[in-house]
Amino acid sequence: MMQLDFAFILFSLVSLSGAMWMADHFYFRKKRSPDSKEPLWVEWGATFFPVLLLVFVLRSFIFEPFRIPSGSMIPTLLPGDFILVNKYTYGLRLPVLNRKIISVNKPQRGDVMVFRYPVNPAQDYIKRVIALPGDEIAYENKRLSINGVRVPVQRIADYLHPERLYYSEQYYEKLNNYGHNILNDSGSSGNIYNPQLLAGPRGTLPQGKNCAYSDKGLTCKVPKGHYFVMGDNRDNSRDSRFWGFVPDENIVGKAFYIWMHIESFIPPRGFDVGRVGSFN
């Protein structure tokens, strides 16, 4: 999910309006006569301070809204879903600085997590937590194993993509005793794990010291303070298989609720109330 650094903009507005409010409350208001009209800078600046402060606190420490722009999390999340992210599930962090000040819970396997993209922290990504610090993970021949144990999957009805009108193989997967659906076409062509495709400009592979790539897939040892994440749309997700692990300091929060879904803005299309609700 791409996003302007709204936290910094909102913090700047709160600081500016707060300074205006304090200046008016403690100094300029006492200078004005009781029947005089408030100056424009008070009306349009200091007046908005309580509202901006409330929005800043709610967004920074409680809930933050995001919009899903891509299909990497289909079928769990669709493009056009508007979701809420719980900001305090994994601990309280200072806004703008993104520094944890209070530890609460840690991400668990199966959580849908929003984080700052390690390659470009200005972007927010959303994926599912697959492996925790210290885990050994293998994703070979499109089968997932964690610490030497195959993650159980069950084939269910194929998934119909409504926009493009084609089917994908759909499976029910259980991580940490919680189930969710994934898309994973066994007959899809091409080897997306080809090391030549994964290598960067200097021929280095992501997390080269912790991962081994082959024609079958990859195996990784998740380092301390990091997480291995994947999209539920396994054949169409750029995730830890390609760019590496998510460090703890990049975590934004746990996604948990769809509060609105809009099919498309251009051309404008209606709301889908059937999408509203919590998800795994």
C-alpha atoms as a PDB file:
ATOM      1  CA  MET A   1       0.000   0.000   0.000  1.00  0.00           C
ATOM      2  CA  MET A   2       1.492   3.273  -1.068  1.00  0.00           C
ATOM      3  CA  GLN A   3       0.914   6.210   1.208  1.00  0.00           C
ATOM      4  CA  LEU A   4       2.182   9.736   1.723  1.00  0.00           C
ATOM      5  CA  ASP A   5       3.772  10.241   5.151  1.00  0.00           C
ATOM      6  CA  PHE A   6       0.494  11.499   6.548  1.00  0.00           C
ATOM      7  CA  ALA A   7       1.681  11.031  10.133  1.00  0.00           C
ATOM      8  CA  PHE A   8       4.338  13.721   9.688  1.00  0.00           C
ATOM      9  CA  ILE A   9       1.879  16.083   7.970  1.00  0.00           C
ATOM     10  CA  LEU A  10      -0.711  15.574  10.707  1.00  0.00           C
ATOM     11  CA  PHE A  11       1.918  16.042  13.432  1.00  0.00           C
ATOM     12  CA  SER A  12       2.986  19.311  11.790  1.00  0.00           C
ATOM     13  CA  LEU A  13      -0.611  20.559  11.632  1.00  0.00           C
ATOM     14  CA  VAL A  14      -1.223  19.619  15.272  1.00  0.00           C
ATOM     15  CA  SER A  15       1.967  21.409  16.335  1.00  0.00           C
ATOM     16  CA  LEU A  16       1.153  24.544  14.343  1.00  0.00           C
ATOM     17  CA  SER A  17      -2.488  24.753  15.440  1.00  0.00           C
ATOM     18  CA  GLY A  18      -1.458  23.944  19.020  1.00  0.00           C
ATOM     19  CA  ALA A  19       1.038  26.794  19.035  1.00  0.00           C
ATOM     20  CA  MET A  20      -1.683  29.110  17.709  1.00  0.00           C
ATOM     21  CA  TRP A  21      -4.133  27.905  20.359  1.00  0.00           C
ATOM     22  CA  MET A  22      -1.641  28.434  23.198  1.00  0.00           C
ATOM     23  CA  ALA A  23      -0.664  31.870  21.929  1.00  0.00           C
ATOM     24  CA  ASP A  24      -4.292  32.928  21.733  1.00  0.00           C
ATOM     25  CA  HIS A  25      -5.369  31.284  24.999  1.00  0.00           C
ATOM     26  CA  PHE A  26      -2.541  32.611  27.165  1.00  0.00           C
ATOM     27  CA  TYR A  27      -1.783  35.949  25.528  1.00  0.00           C
ATOM     28  CA  PHE A  28      -3.795  37.422  22.629  1.00  0.00           C
ATOM     29  CA  ARG A  29      -7.254  36.625  24.033  1.00  0.00           C
ATOM     30  CA  LYS A  30      -6.496  38.703  27.128  1.00  0.00           C
ATOM     31  CA  LYS A  31      -5.561  41.654  24.900  1.00  0.00           C
ATOM     32  CA  ARG A  32      -8.820  41.593  22.920  1.00  0.00           C
ATOM     33  CA  SER A  33     -11.974  43.342  24.074  1.00  0.00           C
ATOM     34  CA  PRO A  34     -14.849  40.993  24.981  1.00  0.00           C
ATOM     35  CA  ASP A  35     -16.998  42.081  22.021  1.00  0.00           C
ATOM     36  CA  SER A  36     -14.244  41.973  19.396  1.00  0.00           C
ATOM     37  CA  LYS A  37     -14.279  39.368  16.637  1.00  0.00           C
ATOM     38  CA  GLU A  38     -11.670  36.633  16.654  1.00  0.00           C
ATOM     39  CA  PRO A  39      -8.941  37.191  14.075  1.00  0.00           C
ATOM     40  CA  LEU A  40      -8.832  34.892  11.064  1.00  0.00           C
ATOM     41  CA  TRP A  41      -5.731  33.016  12.255  1.00  0.00           C
ATOM     42  CA  VAL A  42      -7.567  32.047  15.453  1.00  0.00           C
ATOM     43  CA  GLU A  43     -10.753  31.057  13.641  1.00  0.00           C
ATOM     44  CA  TRP A  44      -8.977  28.879  11.060  1.00  0.00           C
ATOM     45  CA  GLY A  45      -5.944  27.848  13.092  1.00  0.00           C
ATOM     46  CA  ALA A  46      -6.337  27.516  16.831  1.00  0.00           C
ATOM     47  CA  THR A  47     -10.000  26.473  16.573  1.00  0.00           C
ATOM     48  CA  PHE A  48      -9.073  23.249  14.776  1.00  0.00           C
ATOM     49  CA  PHE A  49      -6.442  22.237  17.338  1.00  0.00           C
ATOM     50  CA  PRO A  50      -8.704  19.993  19.518  1.00  0.00           C
ATOM     51  CA  VAL A  51     -10.062  18.187  16.440  1.00  0.00           C
ATOM     52  CA  LEU A  52      -6.632  17.664  14.906  1.00  0.00           C
ATOM     53  CA  LEU A  53      -5.234  16.508  18.251  1.00  0.00           C
ATOM     54  CA  LEU A  54      -8.027  13.929  18.643  1.00  0.00           C
ATOM     55  CA  VAL A  55      -7.471  12.597  15.112  1.00  0.00           C
ATOM     56  CA  PHE A  56      -3.717  12.443  15.696  1.00  0.00           C
ATOM     57  CA  VAL A  57      -4.060  10.476  18.953  1.00  0.00           C
ATOM     58  CA  LEU A  58      -6.621   8.046  17.512  1.00  0.00           C
ATOM     59  CA  ARG A  59      -4.612   7.447  14.346  1.00  0.00           C
ATOM     60  CA  SER A  60      -1.238   7.175  16.078  1.00  0.00           C
ATOM     61  CA  PHE A  61      -2.105   4.958  19.028  1.00  0.00           C
ATOM     62  CA  ILE A  62      -5.453   3.214  18.429  1.00  0.00           C
ATOM     63  CA  PHE A  63      -6.746   2.654  14.876  1.00  0.00           C
ATOM     64  CA  GLU A  64      -5.511   3.687  11.448  1.00  0.00           C
ATOM     65  CA  PRO A  65      -7.398   3.268   8.146  1.00  0.00           C
ATOM     66  CA  PHE A  66      -5.808   1.923   4.972  1.00  0.00           C
ATOM     67  CA  ARG A  67      -7.015   1.103   1.469  1.00  0.00           C
ATOM     68  CA  ILE A  68      -5.999  -2.108  -0.334  1.00  0.00           C
ATOM     69  CA  PRO A  69      -4.714  -1.183  -3.833  1.00  0.00           C
ATOM     70  CA  SER A  70      -3.546  -4.573  -5.159  1.00  0.00           C
ATOM     71  CA  GLY A  71      -4.532  -8.224  -5.279  1.00  0.00           C
ATOM     72  CA  SER A  72      -1.642  -9.769  -3.340  1.00  0.00           C
ATOM     73  CA  MET A  73      -3.938 -10.689  -0.417  1.00  0.00           C
ATOM     74  CA  ILE A  74      -6.820 -12.170  -2.468  1.00  0.00           C
ATOM     75  CA  PRO A  75      -9.050 -13.906  -1.390  1.00  0.00           C
ATOM     76  CA  THR A  76      -8.783 -12.458   2.148  1.00  0.00           C
ATOM     77  CA  LEU A  77      -8.584  -8.837   1.027  1.00  0.00           C
ATOM     78  CA  LEU A  78      -9.628  -7.406  -2.328  1.00  0.00           C
ATOM     79  CA  PRO A  79      -8.553  -4.248  -4.138  1.00  0.00           C
ATOM     80  CA  GLY A  80     -10.921  -1.532  -2.978  1.00  0.00           C
ATOM     81  CA  ASP A  81     -11.237  -2.813   0.599  1.00  0.00           C
ATOM     82  CA  PHE A  82     -10.857  -0.142   3.270  1.00  0.00           C
ATOM     83  CA  ILE A  83      -9.471  -1.703   6.431  1.00  0.00           C
ATOM     84  CA  LEU A  84      -8.746  -0.759  10.027  1.00  0.00           C
ATOM     85  CA  VAL A  85      -5.397  -1.504  11.627  1.00  0.00           C
ATOM     86  CA  ASN A  86      -5.023  -1.939  15.370  1.00  0.00           C
ATOM     87  CA  LYS A  87      -2.013   0.199  16.330  1.00  0.00           C
ATOM     88  CA  TYR A  88      -1.604  -1.037  19.927  1.00  0.00           C
ATOM     89  CA  THR A  89      -1.822  -4.839  19.418  1.00  0.00           C
ATOM     90  CA  TYR A  90       1.952  -5.126  19.021  1.00  0.00           C
ATOM     91  CA  GLY A  91       2.840  -2.275  21.379  1.00  0.00           C
ATOM     92  CA  LEU A  92       2.682   1.513  21.430  1.00  0.00           C
ATOM     93  CA  ARG A  93       5.069   3.369  19.144  1.00  0.00           C
ATOM     94  CA  LEU A  94       5.940   7.032  18.931  1.00  0.00           C
ATOM     95  CA  PRO A  95       4.345   8.558  15.821  1.00  0.00           C
ATOM     96  CA  VAL A  96       6.678   9.846  13.104  1.00  0.00           C
ATOM     97  CA  LEU A  97       9.720   8.297  14.845  1.00  0.00           C
ATOM     98  CA  ASN A  98       8.100   4.810  14.846  1.00  0.00           C
ATOM     99  CA  ARG A  99       9.968   3.907  18.025  1.00  0.00           C
ATOM    100  CA  LYS A 100       8.345   1.384  20.367  1.00  0.00           C
ATOM    101  CA  ILE A 101       7.796   2.741  23.875  1.00  0.00           C
ATOM    102  CA  ILE A 102       5.538   0.019  25.346  1.00  0.00           C
ATOM    103  CA  SER A 103       5.649  -3.660  24.420  1.00  0.00           C
ATOM    104  CA  VAL A 104       2.317  -5.519  24.478  1.00  0.00           C
ATOM    105  CA  ASN A 105       2.011  -8.554  22.187  1.00  0.00           C
ATOM    106  CA  LYS A 106       4.187  -9.928  19.418  1.00  0.00           C
ATOM    107  CA  PRO A 107       3.015 -10.917  15.934  1.00  0.00           C
ATOM    108  CA  GLN A 108       1.806 -14.494  15.659  1.00  0.00           C
ATOM    109  CA  ARG A 109       1.760 -16.851  12.700  1.00  0.00           C
ATOM    110  CA  GLY A 110      -1.361 -16.177  10.681  1.00  0.00           C
ATOM    111  CA  ASP A 111      -1.725 -12.499  11.640  1.00  0.00           C
ATOM    112  CA  VAL A 112      -2.459 -10.069   8.810  1.00  0.00           C
ATOM    113  CA  MET A 113       0.088  -7.343   9.448  1.00  0.00           C
ATOM    114  CA  VAL A 114       0.723  -3.867   8.060  1.00  0.00           C
ATOM    115  CA  PHE A 115       4.351  -2.769   7.990  1.00  0.00           C
ATOM    116  CA  ARG A 116       6.670  -0.293   6.349  1.00  0.00           C
ATOM    117  CA  TYR A 117       8.233  -1.874   3.262  1.00  0.00           C
ATOM    118  CA  PRO A 118      11.863  -2.654   4.194  1.00  0.00           C
ATOM    119  CA  VAL A 119      13.154  -1.694   0.740  1.00  0.00           C
ATOM    120  CA  ASN A 120      11.330   1.654   0.846  1.00  0.00           C
ATOM    121  CA  PRO A 121       9.959   2.542   4.318  1.00  0.00           C
ATOM    122  CA  ALA A 122       7.866   5.345   2.809  1.00  0.00           C
ATOM    123  CA  GLN A 123       5.505   2.639   1.517  1.00  0.00           C
ATOM    124  CA  ASP A 124       3.116   0.595   3.654  1.00  0.00           C
ATOM    125  CA  TYR A 125       2.630  -3.089   2.816  1.00  0.00           C
ATOM    126  CA  ILE A 126       0.181  -5.685   4.079  1.00  0.00           C
ATOM    127  CA  LYS A 127       0.933  -9.422   4.206  1.00  0.00           C
ATOM    128  CA  ARG A 128       0.312 -12.444   6.407  1.00  0.00           C
ATOM    129  CA  VAL A 129       2.870 -13.410   9.065  1.00  0.00           C
ATOM    130  CA  ILE A 130       4.191 -16.867   8.163  1.00  0.00           C
ATOM    131  CA  ALA A 131       7.262 -17.380  10.350  1.00  0.00           C
ATOM    132  CA  LEU A 132       8.593 -15.861  13.580  1.00  0.00           C
ATOM    133  CA  PRO A 133      12.120 -15.041  14.764  1.00  0.00           C
ATOM    134  CA  GLY A 134      14.155 -18.230  14.986  1.00  0.00           C
ATOM    135  CA  ASP A 135      11.829 -20.270  12.751  1.00  0.00           C
ATOM    136  CA  GLU A 136      13.164 -22.332   9.877  1.00  0.00           C
ATOM    137  CA  ILE A 137      10.875 -22.014   6.891  1.00  0.00           C
ATOM    138  CA  ALA A 138      10.801 -23.863   3.580  1.00  0.00           C
ATOM    139  CA  TYR A 139       8.631 -23.032   0.585  1.00  0.00           C
ATOM    140  CA  GLU A 140       9.413 -25.659  -2.031  1.00  0.00           C
ATOM    141  CA  ASN A 141       7.255 -26.907  -4.879  1.00  0.00           C
ATOM    142  CA  LYS A 142       4.580 -24.549  -3.580  1.00  0.00           C
ATOM    143  CA  ARG A 143       4.322 -26.330  -0.227  1.00  0.00           C
ATOM    144  CA  LEU A 144       5.027 -24.516   3.028  1.00  0.00           C
ATOM    145  CA  SER A 145       6.890 -26.069   5.964  1.00  0.00           C
ATOM    146  CA  ILE A 146       7.799 -24.446   9.286  1.00  0.00           C
ATOM    147  CA  ASN A 147      10.447 -25.996  11.524  1.00  0.00           C
ATOM    148  CA  GLY A 148      10.319 -29.185   9.504  1.00  0.00           C
ATOM    149  CA  VAL A 149       6.528 -29.608   9.730  1.00  0.00           C
ATOM    150  CA  ARG A 150       4.305 -29.261   6.668  1.00  0.00           C
ATOM    151  CA  VAL A 151       1.596 -26.624   7.069  1.00  0.00           C
ATOM    152  CA  PRO A 152      -1.725 -28.429   6.479  1.00  0.00           C
ATOM    153  CA  VAL A 153      -3.772 -27.337   3.463  1.00  0.00           C
ATOM    154  CA  GLN A 154      -7.050 -28.606   2.036  1.00  0.00           C
ATOM    155  CA  ARG A 155      -8.252 -28.080  -1.527  1.00  0.00           C
ATOM    156  CA  ILE A 156     -11.593 -26.260  -1.682  1.00  0.00           C
ATOM    157  CA  ALA A 157     -13.695 -24.782  -4.484  1.00  0.00           C
ATOM    158  CA  ASP A 158     -11.791 -22.765  -7.077  1.00  0.00           C
ATOM    159  CA  TYR A 159     -11.854 -18.990  -6.682  1.00  0.00           C
ATOM    160  CA  LEU A 160     -13.441 -16.898  -9.446  1.00  0.00           C
ATOM    161  CA  HIS A 161     -11.747 -13.536  -9.958  1.00  0.00           C
ATOM    162  CA  PRO A 162     -14.724 -11.219 -10.581  1.00  0.00           C
ATOM    163  CA  GLU A 163     -12.829  -8.581 -12.530  1.00  0.00           C
ATOM    164  CA  ARG A 164     -10.986 -10.856 -14.951  1.00  0.00           C
ATOM    165  CA  LEU A 165     -13.380 -13.822 -14.940  1.00  0.00           C
ATOM    166  CA  TYR A 166     -10.865 -16.623 -14.486  1.00  0.00           C
ATOM    167  CA  TYR A 167     -10.402 -19.272 -11.810  1.00  0.00           C
ATOM    168  CA  SER A 168      -7.535 -19.914  -9.397  1.00  0.00           C
ATOM    169  CA  GLU A 169      -6.981 -22.996  -7.279  1.00  0.00           C
ATOM    170  CA  GLN A 170      -8.040 -22.254  -3.709  1.00  0.00           C
ATOM    171  CA  TYR A 171      -6.895 -23.943  -0.508  1.00  0.00           C
ATOM    172  CA  TYR A 172      -7.752 -23.759   3.172  1.00  0.00           C
ATOM    173  CA  GLU A 173      -4.523 -23.322   5.152  1.00  0.00           C
ATOM    174  CA  LYS A 174      -4.023 -23.520   8.930  1.00  0.00           C
ATOM    175  CA  LEU A 175      -1.357 -21.485  10.671  1.00  0.00           C
ATOM    176  CA  ASN A 176      -1.157 -21.433  14.458  1.00  0.00           C
ATOM    177  CA  ASN A 177      -4.524 -23.272  14.626  1.00  0.00           C
ATOM    178  CA  TYR A 178      -6.255 -20.467  12.707  1.00  0.00           C
ATOM    179  CA  GLY A 179      -7.477 -21.071   9.173  1.00  0.00           C
ATOM    180  CA  HIS A 180      -7.610 -18.857   6.116  1.00  0.00           C
ATOM    181  CA  ASN A 181      -7.959 -19.306   2.369  1.00  0.00           C
ATOM    182  CA  ILE A 182      -5.104 -18.925  -0.107  1.00  0.00           C
ATOM    183  CA  LEU A 183      -4.756 -19.037  -3.886  1.00  0.00           C
ATOM    184  CA  ASN A 184      -2.004 -21.243  -5.273  1.00  0.00           C
ATOM    185  CA  ASP A 185      -2.173 -22.591  -8.833  1.00  0.00           C
ATOM    186  CA  SER A 186      -0.235 -25.842  -9.020  1.00  0.00           C
ATOM    187  CA  GLY A 187      -0.084 -25.695 -12.806  1.00  0.00           C
ATOM    188  CA  SER A 188       1.060 -22.083 -13.194  1.00  0.00           C
ATOM    189  CA  SER A 189       3.952 -21.670 -15.588  1.00  0.00           C
ATOM    190  CA  GLY A 190       7.267 -20.039 -14.931  1.00  0.00           C
ATOM    191  CA  ASN A 191       9.709 -20.333 -12.050  1.00  0.00           C
ATOM    192  CA  ILE A 192       9.332 -17.188  -9.994  1.00  0.00           C
ATOM    193  CA  TYR A 193      12.084 -18.378  -7.653  1.00  0.00           C
ATOM    194  CA  ASN A 194      14.781 -18.400 -10.318  1.00  0.00           C
ATOM    195  CA  PRO A 195      17.831 -16.920  -8.528  1.00  0.00           C
ATOM    196  CA  GLN A 196      18.747 -14.990 -11.662  1.00  0.00           C
ATOM    197  CA  LEU A 197      15.419 -13.162 -11.436  1.00  0.00           C
ATOM    198  CA  LEU A 198      15.738 -12.553  -7.700  1.00  0.00           C
ATOM    199  CA  ALA A 199      19.309 -11.263  -7.757  1.00  0.00           C
ATOM    200  CA  GLY A 200      19.850  -7.529  -7.476  1.00  0.00           C
ATOM    201  CA  PRO A 201      22.104  -5.319  -9.626  1.00  0.00           C
ATOM    202  CA  ARG A 202      25.243  -6.770  -8.036  1.00  0.00           C
ATOM    203  CA  GLY A 203      24.058 -10.354  -8.230  1.00  0.00           C
ATOM    204  CA  THR A 204      23.219 -10.591  -4.537  1.00  0.00           C
ATOM    205  CA  LEU A 205      20.112 -12.379  -3.293  1.00  0.00           C
ATOM    206  CA  PRO A 206      17.776 -10.951  -0.614  1.00  0.00           C
ATOM    207  CA  GLN A 207      18.860 -12.056   2.873  1.00  0.00           C
ATOM    208  CA  GLY A 208      21.570 -14.158   1.245  1.00  0.00           C
ATOM    209  CA  LYS A 209      23.088 -15.196   4.576  1.00  0.00           C
ATOM    210  CA  ASN A 210      19.792 -16.528   5.895  1.00  0.00           C
ATOM    211  CA  CYS A 211      18.132 -18.003   2.787  1.00  0.00           C
ATOM    212  CA  ALA A 212      19.004 -20.607   0.183  1.00  0.00           C
ATOM    213  CA  TYR A 213      17.293 -20.495  -3.218  1.00  0.00           C
ATOM    214  CA  SER A 214      16.873 -23.341  -5.693  1.00  0.00           C
ATOM    215  CA  ASP A 215      14.643 -24.395  -8.555  1.00  0.00           C
ATOM    216  CA  LYS A 216      12.273 -25.900  -5.980  1.00  0.00           C
ATOM    217  CA  GLY A 217      11.884 -22.695  -3.992  1.00  0.00           C
ATOM    218  CA  LEU A 218      13.690 -21.458  -0.908  1.00  0.00           C
ATOM    219  CA  THR A 219      14.593 -22.239   2.689  1.00  0.00           C
ATOM    220  CA  CYS A 220      15.243 -19.554   5.301  1.00  0.00           C
ATOM    221  CA  LYS A 221      16.255 -19.126   8.912  1.00  0.00           C
ATOM    222  CA  VAL A 222      14.382 -16.114  10.273  1.00  0.00           C
ATOM    223  CA  PRO A 223      16.803 -13.865  12.179  1.00  0.00           C
ATOM    224  CA  LYS A 224      16.124 -12.403  15.606  1.00  0.00           C
ATOM    225  CA  GLY A 225      13.768  -9.441  15.587  1.00  0.00           C
ATOM    226  CA  HIS A 226      12.454 -10.217  12.072  1.00  0.00           C
ATOM    227  CA  TYR A 227       9.416 -11.862  10.472  1.00  0.00           C
ATOM    228  CA  PHE A 228       8.775 -13.796   7.260  1.00  0.00           C
ATOM    229  CA  VAL A 229       5.585 -12.673   5.496  1.00  0.00           C
ATOM    230  CA  MET A 230       3.674 -13.788   2.406  1.00  0.00           C
ATOM    231  CA  GLY A 231       0.576 -12.747   0.499  1.00  0.00           C
ATOM    232  CA  ASP A 232      -2.434 -15.055   0.410  1.00  0.00           C
ATOM    233  CA  ASN A 233      -2.391 -14.814  -3.387  1.00  0.00           C
ATOM    234  CA  ARG A 234       0.776 -16.896  -3.466  1.00  0.00           C
ATOM    235  CA  ASP A 235       1.437 -16.694  -7.219  1.00  0.00           C
ATOM    236  CA  ASN A 236       0.923 -12.930  -7.351  1.00  0.00           C
ATOM    237  CA  SER A 237       2.633 -11.480  -4.297  1.00  0.00           C
ATOM    238  CA  ARG A 238       6.038  -9.887  -3.922  1.00  0.00           C
ATOM    239  CA  ASP A 239       6.881 -10.648  -0.324  1.00  0.00           C
ATOM    240  CA  SER A 240       9.630 -12.063   1.912  1.00  0.00           C
ATOM    241  CA  ARG A 241      10.411 -14.638  -0.774  1.00  0.00           C
ATOM    242  CA  PHE A 242      11.712 -11.791  -2.923  1.00  0.00           C
ATOM    243  CA  TRP A 243      12.885  -8.902  -0.724  1.00  0.00           C
ATOM    244  CA  GLY A 244      13.578 -10.524   2.654  1.00  0.00           C
ATOM    245  CA  PHE A 245      12.373 -10.236   6.219  1.00  0.00           C
ATOM    246  CA  VAL A 246      10.364  -7.550   8.023  1.00  0.00           C
ATOM    247  CA  PRO A 247      12.243  -6.025  10.996  1.00  0.00           C
ATOM    248  CA  ASP A 248      10.291  -5.390  14.169  1.00  0.00           C
ATOM    249  CA  GLU A 249      10.846  -1.640  13.951  1.00  0.00           C
ATOM    250  CA  ASN A 250       8.926  -1.541  10.633  1.00  0.00           C
ATOM    251  CA  ILE A 251       5.701  -2.938  12.093  1.00  0.00           C
ATOM    252  CA  VAL A 252       2.658  -0.644  11.937  1.00  0.00           C
ATOM    253  CA  GLY A 253      -0.086  -2.850  13.370  1.00  0.00           C
ATOM    254  CA  LYS A 254      -2.499  -5.742  12.956  1.00  0.00           C
ATOM    255  CA  ALA A 255      -5.223  -5.497  10.300  1.00  0.00           C
ATOM    256  CA  PHE A 256      -8.538  -6.852  11.534  1.00  0.00           C
ATOM    257  CA  TYR A 257     -11.630  -5.193  10.016  1.00  0.00           C
ATOM    258  CA  ILE A 258     -13.025  -4.164   6.619  1.00  0.00           C
ATOM    259  CA  TRP A 259     -15.141  -1.061   7.149  1.00  0.00           C
ATOM    260  CA  MET A 260     -15.910  -0.224   3.518  1.00  0.00           C
ATOM    261  CA  HIS A 261     -15.423  -1.588   0.011  1.00  0.00           C
ATOM    262  CA  ILE A 262     -15.602   0.441  -3.185  1.00  0.00           C
ATOM    263  CA  GLU A 263     -15.348  -1.519  -6.410  1.00  0.00           C
ATOM    264  CA  SER A 264     -13.754   1.284  -8.393  1.00  0.00           C
ATOM    265  CA  PHE A 265     -13.373   5.053  -8.377  1.00  0.00           C
ATOM    266  CA  ILE A 266     -12.912   5.382 -12.167  1.00  0.00           C
ATOM    267  CA  PRO A 267     -15.546   4.822 -13.395  1.00  0.00           C
ATOM    268  CA  PRO A 268     -17.357   5.269 -10.076  1.00  0.00           C
ATOM    269  CA  ARG A 269     -19.084   2.097  -8.855  1.00  0.00           C
ATOM    270  CA  GLY A 270     -21.184   1.294  -5.808  1.00  0.00           C
ATOM    271  CA  PHE A 271     -20.377   0.138  -2.322  1.00  0.00           C
ATOM    272  CA  ASP A 272     -20.288  -3.560  -1.452  1.00  0.00           C
ATOM    273  CA  VAL A 273     -21.679  -3.847   2.077  1.00  0.00           C
ATOM    274  CA  GLY A 274     -21.185  -7.601   1.952  1.00  0.00           C
ATOM    275  CA  ARG A 275     -17.443  -7.055   2.376  1.00  0.00           C
ATOM    276  CA  VAL A 276     -17.822  -5.227   5.708  1.00  0.00           C
ATOM    277  CA  GLY A 277     -16.664  -7.199   8.735  1.00  0.00           C
ATOM    278  CA  SER A 278     -13.699  -8.768  10.497  1.00  0.00           C
ATOM    279  CA  PHE A 279     -11.304 -11.200   8.816  1.00  0.00           C
ATOM    280  CA  ASN A 280      -8.435 -13.546   9.639  1.00  0.00           C
END
